Amino acid sequence: MKKGFTLIETIVVIAVIGITLPVLVAIILTLMRQQLKINRLSQIKREGDYVSSVIGNTIKDRAFSIHTGKPVNDTTKICEEALSFSNPTTSLFFLDKSKNWFGYEISGNTIASKSADLENLPNDQTINLTSTKIFISNFSISCSRDNVYSAPSVQFSFDVCYDNGLPNCATTRPEEITSLHYQSRIKIRNY
């Protein structure tokens, strides 16, 4: 008696492999896509939290007055009176107790920090608060003051997404979209 596989047994094994192999490949590709999305989401969350923390803590700890632009002087001061509100804009500047100014504005696809300390550098340089792989959009910053006894508060918001090289983080596949919205309100402590 010969030992070996019959033709039927060989066909059944090939059919089982033919059915299970595409399923396994699909599962592996899905897991790889999900891992990529988790990594991108982790990166935009980390950088979004960092930007929000830097802006919030710096304004809360250092800001003494709020201004609409440079030069920072009494003519550009806003939110001085009770029930005053400023329209959302893409940049505000602040003066600290040492009379040094600082501010935040959108610069290309990132939020940039500007300050009097950087003024002596060539080309009016800024410090970008995010990496090149992160795309910031819809940045707005404004201030308000509710009454004469309260300090002004600054509100800011922005959207963060992973820059995949397409305009405004667009993608052809909705499952690849990774973006977060941040907004915060800070009472000025030193007012």
N, C-alpha and C. Protein backbone atom coordinates (compact mmCIF):
# COMPACT_ATOMS: atom_id res chain seq x y z
N MET A 1 0.84 -1.17 0.00
CA MET A 1 0.00 0.00 0.00
C MET A 1 0.89 1.24 0.00
N LYS A 2 0.56 2.20 -0.88
CA LYS A 2 1.35 3.41 -1.00
C LYS A 2 0.91 4.42 0.05
N LYS A 3 1.92 5.12 0.58
CA LYS A 3 1.63 6.19 1.52
C LYS A 3 1.72 7.50 0.75
N GLY A 4 0.77 8.40 0.96
CA GLY A 4 0.76 9.70 0.28
C GLY A 4 -0.62 10.32 0.38
N PHE A 5 -0.73 11.47 -0.25
CA PHE A 5 -2.00 12.19 -0.23
C PHE A 5 -2.76 11.92 -1.51
N THR A 6 -4.05 11.84 -1.34
CA THR A 6 -4.88 11.68 -2.53
C THR A 6 -5.13 13.05 -3.14
N LEU A 7 -5.63 13.06 -4.33
CA LEU A 7 -5.92 14.32 -5.02
C LEU A 7 -6.98 15.12 -4.26
N ILE A 8 -7.96 14.47 -3.72
CA ILE A 8 -9.04 15.14 -2.97
C ILE A 8 -8.46 15.80 -1.72
N GLU A 9 -7.60 15.12 -1.01
CA GLU A 9 -6.99 15.70 0.20
C GLU A 9 -6.16 16.94 -0.16
N THR A 10 -5.43 16.89 -1.21
CA THR A 10 -4.62 18.03 -1.65
C THR A 10 -5.50 19.21 -2.03
N ILE A 11 -6.58 18.97 -2.73
CA ILE A 11 -7.50 20.04 -3.14
C ILE A 11 -8.16 20.67 -1.92
N VAL A 12 -8.54 19.85 -0.93
CA VAL A 12 -9.16 20.37 0.29
C VAL A 12 -8.18 21.25 1.05
N VAL A 13 -6.94 20.84 1.18
CA VAL A 13 -5.93 21.64 1.88
C VAL A 13 -5.70 22.97 1.16
N ILE A 14 -5.60 22.94 -0.16
CA ILE A 14 -5.39 24.17 -0.94
C ILE A 14 -6.61 25.09 -0.79
N ALA A 15 -7.81 24.55 -0.77
CA ALA A 15 -9.03 25.35 -0.62
C ALA A 15 -9.07 26.01 0.77
N VAL A 16 -8.72 25.25 1.80
CA VAL A 16 -8.71 25.82 3.17
C VAL A 16 -7.69 26.94 3.26
N ILE A 17 -6.51 26.74 2.70
CA ILE A 17 -5.48 27.78 2.71
C ILE A 17 -5.96 28.98 1.88
N GLY A 18 -6.59 28.75 0.75
CA GLY A 18 -7.10 29.82 -0.10
C GLY A 18 -8.18 30.65 0.57
N ILE A 19 -8.95 30.05 1.47
CA ILE A 19 -10.00 30.78 2.19
C ILE A 19 -9.43 31.53 3.39
N THR A 20 -8.54 30.91 4.14
CA THR A 20 -8.04 31.53 5.38
C THR A 20 -6.95 32.57 5.13
N LEU A 21 -6.15 32.43 4.10
CA LEU A 21 -5.06 33.37 3.86
C LEU A 21 -5.55 34.80 3.59
N PRO A 22 -6.54 35.02 2.73
CA PRO A 22 -7.02 36.40 2.55
C PRO A 22 -7.63 36.99 3.82
N VAL A 23 -8.28 36.18 4.61
CA VAL A 23 -8.86 36.67 5.87
C VAL A 23 -7.75 37.09 6.82
N LEU A 24 -6.70 36.30 6.91
CA LEU A 24 -5.58 36.65 7.79
C LEU A 24 -4.87 37.92 7.30
N VAL A 25 -4.68 38.07 6.01
CA VAL A 25 -4.05 39.27 5.46
C VAL A 25 -4.91 40.50 5.76
N ALA A 26 -6.22 40.38 5.59
CA ALA A 26 -7.13 41.50 5.87
C ALA A 26 -7.08 41.90 7.34
N ILE A 27 -7.02 40.93 8.23
CA ILE A 27 -6.94 41.21 9.68
C ILE A 27 -5.63 41.91 10.00
N ILE A 28 -4.54 41.44 9.44
CA ILE A 28 -3.23 42.05 9.70
C ILE A 28 -3.18 43.48 9.18
N LEU A 29 -3.71 43.73 7.98
CA LEU A 29 -3.73 45.09 7.44
C LEU A 29 -4.61 46.03 8.27
N THR A 30 -5.74 45.53 8.74
CA THR A 30 -6.60 46.34 9.60
C THR A 30 -5.90 46.69 10.90
N LEU A 31 -5.22 45.75 11.49
CA LEU A 31 -4.48 46.02 12.73
C LEU A 31 -3.36 47.03 12.50
N MET A 32 -2.69 46.93 11.35
CA MET A 32 -1.62 47.89 11.05
C MET A 32 -2.17 49.29 10.85
N ARG A 33 -3.32 49.43 10.18
CA ARG A 33 -3.96 50.74 10.00
C ARG A 33 -4.39 51.33 11.34
N GLN A 34 -4.96 50.51 12.19
CA GLN A 34 -5.39 50.99 13.51
C GLN A 34 -4.20 51.42 14.35
N GLN A 35 -3.10 50.70 14.27
CA GLN A 35 -1.90 51.07 15.01
C GLN A 35 -1.35 52.39 14.52
N LEU A 36 -1.37 52.61 13.20
CA LEU A 36 -0.92 53.88 12.63
C LEU A 36 -1.80 55.03 13.10
N LYS A 37 -3.12 54.81 13.12
CA LYS A 37 -4.04 55.86 13.59
C LYS A 37 -3.82 56.15 15.07
N ILE A 38 -3.57 55.13 15.86
CA ILE A 38 -3.31 55.33 17.30
C ILE A 38 -2.03 56.12 17.49
N ASN A 39 -0.99 55.81 16.73
CA ASN A 39 0.27 56.55 16.83
C ASN A 39 0.09 58.01 16.44
N ARG A 40 -0.63 58.26 15.35
CA ARG A 40 -0.88 59.64 14.92
C ARG A 40 -1.71 60.40 15.95
N LEU A 41 -2.75 59.76 16.45
CA LEU A 41 -3.60 60.40 17.46
C LEU A 41 -2.81 60.70 18.73
N SER A 42 -1.94 59.79 19.12
CA SER A 42 -1.08 60.02 20.28
C SER A 42 -0.17 61.22 20.07
N GLN A 43 0.38 61.33 18.87
CA GLN A 43 1.28 62.46 18.59
C GLN A 43 0.53 63.78 18.57
N ILE A 44 -0.66 63.84 17.95
CA ILE A 44 -1.38 65.11 17.93
C ILE A 44 -1.93 65.45 19.31
N LYS A 45 -2.27 64.46 20.10
CA LYS A 45 -2.72 64.72 21.48
C LYS A 45 -1.57 65.27 22.31
N ARG A 46 -0.41 64.68 22.19
CA ARG A 46 0.76 65.13 22.94
C ARG A 46 1.12 66.57 22.57
N GLU A 47 1.16 66.86 21.27
CA GLU A 47 1.54 68.20 20.85
C GLU A 47 0.43 69.22 21.11
N GLY A 48 -0.83 68.82 20.96
CA GLY A 48 -1.93 69.72 21.28
C GLY A 48 -1.98 70.07 22.75
N ASP A 49 -1.76 69.06 23.61
CA ASP A 49 -1.70 69.31 25.06
C ASP A 49 -0.54 70.23 25.40
N TYR A 50 0.59 70.05 24.74
CA TYR A 50 1.77 70.89 25.00
C TYR A 50 1.48 72.34 24.63
N VAL A 51 0.94 72.58 23.43
CA VAL A 51 0.64 73.94 22.99
C VAL A 51 -0.37 74.60 23.93
N SER A 52 -1.42 73.88 24.25
CA SER A 52 -2.44 74.42 25.15
C SER A 52 -1.86 74.75 26.52
N SER A 53 -1.01 73.89 27.03
CA SER A 53 -0.38 74.11 28.33
C SER A 53 0.57 75.30 28.31
N VAL A 54 1.40 75.40 27.27
CA VAL A 54 2.36 76.51 27.18
C VAL A 54 1.62 77.84 27.09
N ILE A 55 0.64 77.93 26.21
CA ILE A 55 -0.11 79.18 26.06
C ILE A 55 -0.84 79.52 27.35
N GLY A 56 -1.55 78.55 27.89
CA GLY A 56 -2.32 78.80 29.11
C GLY A 56 -1.48 79.21 30.29
N ASN A 57 -0.42 78.46 30.56
CA ASN A 57 0.42 78.77 31.72
C ASN A 57 1.18 80.08 31.56
N THR A 58 1.67 80.37 30.36
CA THR A 58 2.41 81.61 30.15
C THR A 58 1.50 82.82 30.32
N ILE A 59 0.32 82.76 29.73
CA ILE A 59 -0.62 83.88 29.88
C ILE A 59 -1.04 84.04 31.33
N LYS A 60 -1.37 82.93 31.98
CA LYS A 60 -1.83 83.00 33.36
C LYS A 60 -0.74 83.54 34.30
N ASP A 61 0.49 83.11 34.10
CA ASP A 61 1.56 83.48 35.02
C ASP A 61 2.25 84.80 34.70
N ARG A 62 2.30 85.20 33.42
CA ARG A 62 3.10 86.37 33.05
C ARG A 62 2.31 87.58 32.59
N ALA A 63 1.12 87.38 32.03
CA ALA A 63 0.40 88.49 31.41
C ALA A 63 -0.05 89.53 32.42
N PHE A 64 0.17 90.79 32.06
CA PHE A 64 -0.24 91.90 32.90
C PHE A 64 -1.26 92.77 32.17
N SER A 65 -1.11 92.89 30.86
CA SER A 65 -2.10 93.60 30.04
C SER A 65 -2.18 92.92 28.68
N ILE A 66 -3.30 93.16 27.98
CA ILE A 66 -3.58 92.51 26.70
C ILE A 66 -3.60 93.57 25.61
N HIS A 67 -2.98 93.25 24.46
CA HIS A 67 -2.86 94.22 23.38
C HIS A 67 -3.18 93.55 22.04
N THR A 68 -3.65 94.38 21.11
CA THR A 68 -4.04 93.85 19.79
C THR A 68 -2.86 93.71 18.85
N GLY A 69 -1.75 94.35 19.12
CA GLY A 69 -0.62 94.23 18.22
C GLY A 69 0.61 94.91 18.76
N LYS A 70 1.64 94.93 17.94
CA LYS A 70 2.88 95.60 18.29
C LYS A 70 2.90 96.93 17.54
N PRO A 71 3.39 97.98 18.08
CA PRO A 71 4.03 98.08 19.38
C PRO A 71 3.01 97.96 20.50
N VAL A 72 3.45 97.35 21.58
CA VAL A 72 2.60 97.14 22.73
C VAL A 72 2.61 98.42 23.55
N ASN A 73 1.51 99.20 23.45
CA ASN A 73 1.41 100.45 24.21
C ASN A 73 -0.05 100.67 24.59
N ASP A 74 -0.34 101.82 25.17
CA ASP A 74 -1.70 102.08 25.66
C ASP A 74 -2.73 102.16 24.55
N THR A 75 -2.33 102.51 23.33
CA THR A 75 -3.31 102.61 22.24
C THR A 75 -3.74 101.23 21.73
N THR A 76 -2.95 100.21 21.97
CA THR A 76 -3.32 98.86 21.51
C THR A 76 -3.92 98.01 22.63
N LYS A 77 -4.09 98.59 23.82
CA LYS A 77 -4.59 97.85 24.99
C LYS A 77 -6.09 97.57 24.81
N ILE A 78 -6.51 96.36 25.16
CA ILE A 78 -7.92 95.97 25.08
C ILE A 78 -8.35 95.29 26.37
N CYS A 79 -9.65 95.11 26.52
CA CYS A 79 -10.29 94.44 27.67
C CYS A 79 -9.96 95.16 28.98
N GLU A 80 -9.98 96.47 28.96
CA GLU A 80 -9.71 97.27 30.17
C GLU A 80 -10.99 97.53 30.95
N GLU A 81 -12.09 97.82 30.26
CA GLU A 81 -13.34 98.15 30.93
C GLU A 81 -14.18 96.91 31.17
N ALA A 82 -15.12 97.05 32.11
CA ALA A 82 -16.06 95.97 32.39
C ALA A 82 -16.94 95.74 31.16
N LEU A 83 -17.40 94.53 31.00
CA LEU A 83 -18.24 94.12 29.87
C LEU A 83 -17.60 94.42 28.52
N SER A 84 -16.30 94.23 28.44
CA SER A 84 -15.63 94.43 27.17
C SER A 84 -15.22 93.08 26.58
N PHE A 85 -15.33 92.99 25.28
CA PHE A 85 -15.01 91.75 24.57
C PHE A 85 -14.22 92.11 23.33
N SER A 86 -13.28 91.28 22.96
CA SER A 86 -12.57 91.50 21.70
C SER A 86 -13.03 90.44 20.70
N ASN A 87 -13.01 90.81 19.45
CA ASN A 87 -13.36 89.85 18.42
C ASN A 87 -12.24 88.81 18.30
N PRO A 88 -12.61 87.55 18.03
CA PRO A 88 -11.55 86.53 17.85
C PRO A 88 -10.62 86.93 16.72
N THR A 89 -9.34 86.76 16.96
CA THR A 89 -8.32 87.12 16.00
C THR A 89 -7.28 86.00 15.95
N THR A 90 -6.28 86.14 15.10
CA THR A 90 -5.26 85.09 15.00
C THR A 90 -4.02 85.44 15.81
N SER A 91 -4.00 86.60 16.49
CA SER A 91 -2.86 86.92 17.36
C SER A 91 -3.26 87.96 18.39
N LEU A 92 -2.72 87.81 19.58
CA LEU A 92 -2.81 88.80 20.64
C LEU A 92 -1.44 88.90 21.27
N PHE A 93 -1.14 90.05 21.83
CA PHE A 93 0.15 90.26 22.50
C PHE A 93 -0.11 90.68 23.93
N PHE A 94 0.83 90.35 24.81
CA PHE A 94 0.68 90.60 26.23
C PHE A 94 1.91 91.30 26.75
N LEU A 95 1.72 92.07 27.80
CA LEU A 95 2.82 92.76 28.46
C LEU A 95 2.95 92.16 29.84
N ASP A 96 4.19 91.84 30.27
CA ASP A 96 4.38 91.33 31.62
C ASP A 96 4.80 92.48 32.54
N LYS A 97 5.01 92.18 33.82
CA LYS A 97 5.34 93.22 34.80
C LYS A 97 6.67 93.90 34.51
N SER A 98 7.56 93.22 33.81
CA SER A 98 8.86 93.79 33.47
C SER A 98 8.80 94.61 32.18
N LYS A 99 7.60 94.83 31.66
CA LYS A 99 7.37 95.58 30.42
C LYS A 99 7.94 94.89 29.19
N ASN A 100 8.08 93.57 29.24
CA ASN A 100 8.46 92.77 28.07
C ASN A 100 7.19 92.21 27.46
N TRP A 101 7.10 92.22 26.15
CA TRP A 101 5.91 91.71 25.50
C TRP A 101 6.14 90.28 25.01
N PHE A 102 5.04 89.55 24.88
CA PHE A 102 5.05 88.21 24.28
C PHE A 102 3.68 87.98 23.66
N GLY A 103 3.61 87.02 22.77
CA GLY A 103 2.34 86.75 22.12
C GLY A 103 2.37 85.45 21.34
N TYR A 104 1.21 85.10 20.81
CA TYR A 104 1.05 83.87 20.05
C TYR A 104 0.27 84.19 18.79
N GLU A 105 0.68 83.55 17.70
CA GLU A 105 -0.01 83.76 16.43
C GLU A 105 0.17 82.53 15.56
N ILE A 106 -0.68 82.44 14.55
CA ILE A 106 -0.57 81.34 13.61
C ILE A 106 0.54 81.69 12.61
N SER A 107 1.42 80.75 12.38
CA SER A 107 2.53 80.97 11.45
C SER A 107 2.61 79.76 10.52
N GLY A 108 2.02 79.90 9.35
CA GLY A 108 1.95 78.76 8.44
C GLY A 108 0.98 77.72 8.97
N ASN A 109 1.48 76.54 9.27
CA ASN A 109 0.65 75.45 9.79
C ASN A 109 0.88 75.20 11.27
N THR A 110 1.50 76.15 11.96
CA THR A 110 1.82 75.93 13.36
C THR A 110 1.50 77.19 14.16
N ILE A 111 1.42 77.03 15.47
CA ILE A 111 1.28 78.17 16.36
C ILE A 111 2.68 78.58 16.78
N ALA A 112 2.96 79.86 16.66
CA ALA A 112 4.30 80.37 16.96
C ALA A 112 4.24 81.30 18.17
N SER A 113 5.31 81.26 18.94
CA SER A 113 5.47 82.14 20.08
C SER A 113 6.42 83.26 19.68
N LYS A 114 6.01 84.48 19.96
CA LYS A 114 6.86 85.64 19.70
C LYS A 114 7.06 86.36 21.02
N SER A 115 8.22 86.95 21.19
CA SER A 115 8.45 87.72 22.41
C SER A 115 9.53 88.76 22.18
N ALA A 116 9.63 89.70 23.12
CA ALA A 116 10.65 90.74 23.04
C ALA A 116 12.04 90.12 23.08
N ASP A 117 12.19 88.96 23.71
CA ASP A 117 13.48 88.29 23.78
C ASP A 117 13.98 87.87 22.39
N LEU A 118 13.04 87.61 21.47
CA LEU A 118 13.39 87.16 20.12
C LEU A 118 13.54 88.32 19.15
N GLU A 119 13.24 89.53 19.59
CA GLU A 119 13.23 90.67 18.70
C GLU A 119 14.60 90.97 18.09
N ASN A 120 15.67 90.68 18.80
CA ASN A 120 17.01 90.99 18.31
C ASN A 120 17.53 89.96 17.31
N LEU A 121 16.80 88.88 17.12
CA LEU A 121 17.21 87.87 16.15
C LEU A 121 16.86 88.34 14.74
N PRO A 122 17.59 87.90 13.73
CA PRO A 122 17.29 88.34 12.36
C PRO A 122 15.95 87.81 11.87
N ASN A 123 15.33 88.56 10.97
CA ASN A 123 14.09 88.17 10.29
C ASN A 123 12.90 88.02 11.22
N ASP A 124 12.90 88.71 12.36
CA ASP A 124 11.77 88.67 13.29
C ASP A 124 11.33 87.23 13.54
N GLN A 125 12.25 86.40 13.99
CA GLN A 125 12.00 84.97 14.15
C GLN A 125 10.96 84.67 15.23
N THR A 126 10.37 83.52 15.08
CA THR A 126 9.40 83.02 16.05
C THR A 126 9.83 81.62 16.47
N ILE A 127 9.23 81.14 17.53
CA ILE A 127 9.47 79.77 17.97
C ILE A 127 8.20 78.98 17.72
N ASN A 128 8.29 77.99 16.83
CA ASN A 128 7.14 77.15 16.56
C ASN A 128 6.92 76.20 17.72
N LEU A 129 5.66 76.04 18.11
CA LEU A 129 5.34 75.20 19.26
C LEU A 129 4.98 73.77 18.87
N THR A 130 4.91 73.48 17.57
CA THR A 130 4.61 72.12 17.13
C THR A 130 5.64 71.66 16.11
N SER A 131 5.65 70.36 15.86
CA SER A 131 6.57 69.80 14.88
C SER A 131 6.01 69.98 13.46
N THR A 132 6.79 69.58 12.48
CA THR A 132 6.37 69.74 11.09
C THR A 132 5.30 68.72 10.68
N LYS A 133 5.11 67.66 11.45
CA LYS A 133 4.11 66.65 11.12
C LYS A 133 2.72 67.00 11.64
N ILE A 134 2.61 68.09 12.37
CA ILE A 134 1.34 68.49 12.95
C ILE A 134 0.83 69.73 12.21
N PHE A 135 -0.45 69.74 11.89
CA PHE A 135 -1.08 70.85 11.17
C PHE A 135 -2.06 71.53 12.11
N ILE A 136 -1.86 72.83 12.34
CA ILE A 136 -2.75 73.62 13.19
C ILE A 136 -3.66 74.44 12.29
N SER A 137 -4.94 74.45 12.58
CA SER A 137 -5.88 75.27 11.81
C SER A 137 -6.90 75.89 12.76
N ASN A 138 -7.62 76.87 12.25
CA ASN A 138 -8.70 77.55 12.99
C ASN A 138 -8.24 78.12 14.33
N PHE A 139 -7.02 78.64 14.38
CA PHE A 139 -6.54 79.25 15.62
C PHE A 139 -7.22 80.60 15.82
N SER A 140 -7.79 80.79 16.98
CA SER A 140 -8.36 82.09 17.33
C SER A 140 -8.09 82.37 18.79
N ILE A 141 -7.90 83.65 19.10
CA ILE A 141 -7.62 84.07 20.46
C ILE A 141 -8.34 85.40 20.68
N SER A 142 -8.96 85.54 21.84
CA SER A 142 -9.70 86.76 22.16
C SER A 142 -9.69 86.96 23.67
N CYS A 143 -10.18 88.11 24.10
CA CYS A 143 -10.25 88.37 25.54
C CYS A 143 -11.61 88.95 25.88
N SER A 144 -11.96 88.85 27.15
CA SER A 144 -13.22 89.43 27.64
C SER A 144 -13.05 89.78 29.11
N ARG A 145 -13.90 90.68 29.54
CA ARG A 145 -13.92 91.07 30.95
C ARG A 145 -15.37 91.24 31.35
N ASP A 146 -15.80 90.45 32.33
CA ASP A 146 -17.21 90.41 32.70
C ASP A 146 -17.66 91.61 33.53
N ASN A 147 -16.86 92.00 34.52
CA ASN A 147 -17.25 93.14 35.34
C ASN A 147 -16.02 93.86 35.86
N VAL A 148 -16.23 94.95 36.52
CA VAL A 148 -15.13 95.80 36.97
C VAL A 148 -14.27 95.12 38.03
N TYR A 149 -14.82 94.16 38.74
CA TYR A 149 -14.10 93.50 39.84
C TYR A 149 -13.37 92.23 39.42
N SER A 150 -13.56 91.82 38.19
CA SER A 150 -12.90 90.59 37.74
C SER A 150 -11.75 90.92 36.80
N ALA A 151 -10.80 90.03 36.79
CA ALA A 151 -9.67 90.18 35.85
C ALA A 151 -10.12 89.73 34.46
N PRO A 152 -9.50 90.26 33.42
CA PRO A 152 -9.85 89.80 32.08
C PRO A 152 -9.50 88.32 31.90
N SER A 153 -10.20 87.69 31.00
CA SER A 153 -9.87 86.31 30.67
C SER A 153 -9.58 86.23 29.18
N VAL A 154 -8.73 85.29 28.83
CA VAL A 154 -8.33 85.08 27.44
C VAL A 154 -8.85 83.71 27.01
N GLN A 155 -9.50 83.68 25.86
CA GLN A 155 -10.01 82.44 25.30
C GLN A 155 -9.22 82.15 24.02
N PHE A 156 -8.83 80.90 23.88
CA PHE A 156 -8.18 80.50 22.62
C PHE A 156 -8.68 79.13 22.22
N SER A 157 -8.65 78.87 20.93
CA SER A 157 -9.05 77.57 20.42
C SER A 157 -8.28 77.28 19.13
N PHE A 158 -8.10 76.01 18.85
CA PHE A 158 -7.43 75.59 17.63
C PHE A 158 -7.73 74.13 17.37
N ASP A 159 -7.55 73.74 16.12
CA ASP A 159 -7.70 72.34 15.71
C ASP A 159 -6.32 71.80 15.38
N VAL A 160 -6.09 70.56 15.75
CA VAL A 160 -4.81 69.90 15.50
C VAL A 160 -5.09 68.64 14.70
N CYS A 161 -4.33 68.43 13.62
CA CYS A 161 -4.45 67.17 12.90
C CYS A 161 -3.08 66.74 12.41
N TYR A 162 -2.98 65.50 12.03
CA TYR A 162 -1.72 64.95 11.53
C TYR A 162 -1.56 65.34 10.08
N ASP A 163 -0.45 65.97 9.75
CA ASP A 163 -0.21 66.46 8.40
C ASP A 163 0.23 65.30 7.51
N ASN A 164 -0.66 64.89 6.62
CA ASN A 164 -0.35 63.78 5.72
C ASN A 164 0.07 64.28 4.34
N GLY A 165 0.36 65.58 4.22
CA GLY A 165 0.82 66.14 2.97
C GLY A 165 -0.28 66.72 2.10
N LEU A 166 -1.52 66.43 2.41
CA LEU A 166 -2.64 66.99 1.66
C LEU A 166 -3.11 68.28 2.31
N PRO A 167 -3.72 69.19 1.57
CA PRO A 167 -4.17 70.46 2.16
C PRO A 167 -5.19 70.23 3.28
N ASN A 168 -4.98 70.94 4.38
CA ASN A 168 -5.88 70.89 5.55
C ASN A 168 -6.12 69.47 6.06
N CYS A 169 -5.12 68.64 5.97
CA CYS A 169 -5.17 67.26 6.48
C CYS A 169 -6.28 66.44 5.83
N ALA A 170 -6.64 66.77 4.60
CA ALA A 170 -7.68 66.02 3.90
C ALA A 170 -7.17 64.61 3.62
N THR A 171 -8.09 63.70 3.50
CA THR A 171 -7.74 62.33 3.16
C THR A 171 -8.85 61.72 2.33
N THR A 172 -8.49 60.75 1.55
CA THR A 172 -9.49 60.08 0.73
C THR A 172 -10.25 59.02 1.52
N ARG A 173 -9.70 58.64 2.65
CA ARG A 173 -10.34 57.62 3.46
C ARG A 173 -10.68 58.19 4.83
N PRO A 174 -11.96 58.27 5.17
CA PRO A 174 -12.37 58.90 6.43
C PRO A 174 -11.80 58.20 7.67
N GLU A 175 -11.50 56.94 7.58
CA GLU A 175 -10.98 56.24 8.75
C GLU A 175 -9.55 56.67 9.09
N GLU A 176 -8.90 57.40 8.18
CA GLU A 176 -7.54 57.85 8.44
C GLU A 176 -7.49 59.24 9.08
N ILE A 177 -8.63 59.90 9.24
CA ILE A 177 -8.65 61.25 9.80
C ILE A 177 -8.33 61.17 11.29
N THR A 178 -7.32 61.91 11.69
CA THR A 178 -6.97 62.03 13.10
C THR A 178 -6.84 63.50 13.41
N SER A 179 -7.81 64.04 14.13
CA SER A 179 -7.77 65.45 14.50
C SER A 179 -8.46 65.65 15.84
N LEU A 180 -8.06 66.71 16.52
CA LEU A 180 -8.62 67.07 17.82
C LEU A 180 -8.88 68.57 17.85
N HIS A 181 -9.86 68.98 18.63
CA HIS A 181 -10.16 70.40 18.82
C HIS A 181 -9.81 70.77 20.26
N TYR A 182 -9.09 71.88 20.42
CA TYR A 182 -8.72 72.37 21.74
C TYR A 182 -9.32 73.75 21.95
N GLN A 183 -9.78 74.01 23.16
CA GLN A 183 -10.19 75.35 23.53
C GLN A 183 -10.00 75.51 25.02
N SER A 184 -9.68 76.73 25.41
CA SER A 184 -9.41 76.99 26.81
C SER A 184 -9.73 78.44 27.14
N ARG A 185 -9.96 78.69 28.41
CA ARG A 185 -10.21 80.05 28.91
C ARG A 185 -9.34 80.24 30.14
N ILE A 186 -8.58 81.33 30.14
CA ILE A 186 -7.61 81.58 31.21
C ILE A 186 -7.90 82.94 31.84
N LYS A 187 -8.01 82.98 33.14
CA LYS A 187 -8.09 84.25 33.87
C LYS A 187 -6.69 84.76 34.08
N ILE A 188 -6.47 86.04 33.82
CA ILE A 188 -5.16 86.63 34.01
C ILE A 188 -4.95 86.84 35.51
N ARG A 189 -3.93 86.25 36.04
CA ARG A 189 -3.67 86.26 37.46
C ARG A 189 -3.06 87.58 37.95
N ASN A 190 -2.24 88.21 37.14
CA ASN A 190 -1.47 89.39 37.56
C ASN A 190 -2.16 90.71 37.27
N TYR A 191 -3.44 90.70 36.96
CA TYR A 191 -4.09 91.93 36.54
C TYR A 191 -4.34 92.84 37.73
